[in-house]
Protein backbone atom coordinates (compact mmCIF):
# COMPACT_ATOMS: atom_id res chain seq x y z
CA MET A 1 68.49 78.45 94.28
CA SER A 2 67.56 80.29 97.41
CA VAL A 3 68.50 83.81 98.08
CA VAL A 4 71.02 82.65 100.75
CA ALA A 5 72.70 80.34 98.31
CA ILE A 6 72.98 83.12 95.69
CA LEU A 7 74.48 85.47 98.29
CA LEU A 8 76.92 82.76 99.39
CA HIS A 9 77.95 82.08 95.81
CA LEU A 10 78.35 85.81 95.16
CA SER A 11 80.44 86.37 98.34
CA ARG A 12 82.74 83.45 97.39
CA ALA A 13 83.26 84.88 93.90
CA ILE A 14 84.11 88.26 95.37
CA ILE A 15 86.63 86.71 97.83
CA HIS A 16 88.22 84.72 94.96
CA ALA A 17 88.55 87.92 92.77
CA HIS A 18 90.08 89.82 95.72
CA ASN A 19 92.59 87.07 96.40
CA ASN A 20 93.54 86.83 92.73
CA ALA A 21 94.02 90.62 92.55
CA LYS A 22 96.24 90.47 95.66
CA VAL A 23 98.44 87.80 94.11
CA ARG A 24 98.59 89.66 90.79
CA ASN A 25 99.68 92.90 92.54
CA LEU A 26 102.33 91.09 94.54
CA MET A 27 103.76 89.39 91.50
CA ASP A 28 103.96 92.72 89.59
CA ALA A 29 105.64 94.59 92.43
CA PRO A 30 109.38 95.02 92.27
CA PRO A 31 111.49 93.47 95.09
CA PRO A 32 111.96 95.56 98.27
CA GLU A 33 115.54 96.42 97.49
CA ILE A 34 114.58 98.04 94.15
CA ARG A 35 111.46 99.73 95.67
CA ARG A 36 113.64 101.36 98.35
CA ASP A 37 115.90 102.97 95.74
CA MET A 38 113.24 103.96 93.29
CA GLY A 39 113.12 107.65 92.59
CA ARG A 40 116.38 108.34 94.44
CA GLN A 41 119.04 109.50 92.03
CA VAL A 42 122.43 111.01 92.82
CA SER A 43 122.60 114.57 91.43
CA PRO A 44 125.72 116.70 91.55
CA GLY A 45 123.97 119.57 93.26
CA ALA A 46 122.12 117.49 95.86
CA SER A 47 121.72 119.22 99.18
CA GLU A 48 122.71 117.36 102.35
CA LYS A 49 119.39 118.29 103.98
CA GLU A 50 117.31 117.17 101.03
CA PRO A 51 115.10 114.33 102.15
CA GLY A 52 115.76 111.00 100.51
CA ALA A 53 118.94 112.22 98.80
CA ILE A 54 121.80 109.75 98.16
CA HIS A 55 125.22 111.14 98.44
CA PRO A 56 128.37 109.36 97.06
CA GLY A 57 130.73 108.17 99.78
CA GLY A 58 128.11 107.56 102.41
CA ARG A 59 128.12 109.07 105.89
């Protein structure tokens, strides 16, 4: 095998591994609706000005 063929084979293997990792990460990620609400919990003493706070009753 020539050096060019080895580099071509290696680059294809890297691209395949990268694409497989992207698919695996997308499949493991929660849906957008759930991601948006993650970490935001209603607390009784939540301030109105607190960033990302969810308040019962809406605005």
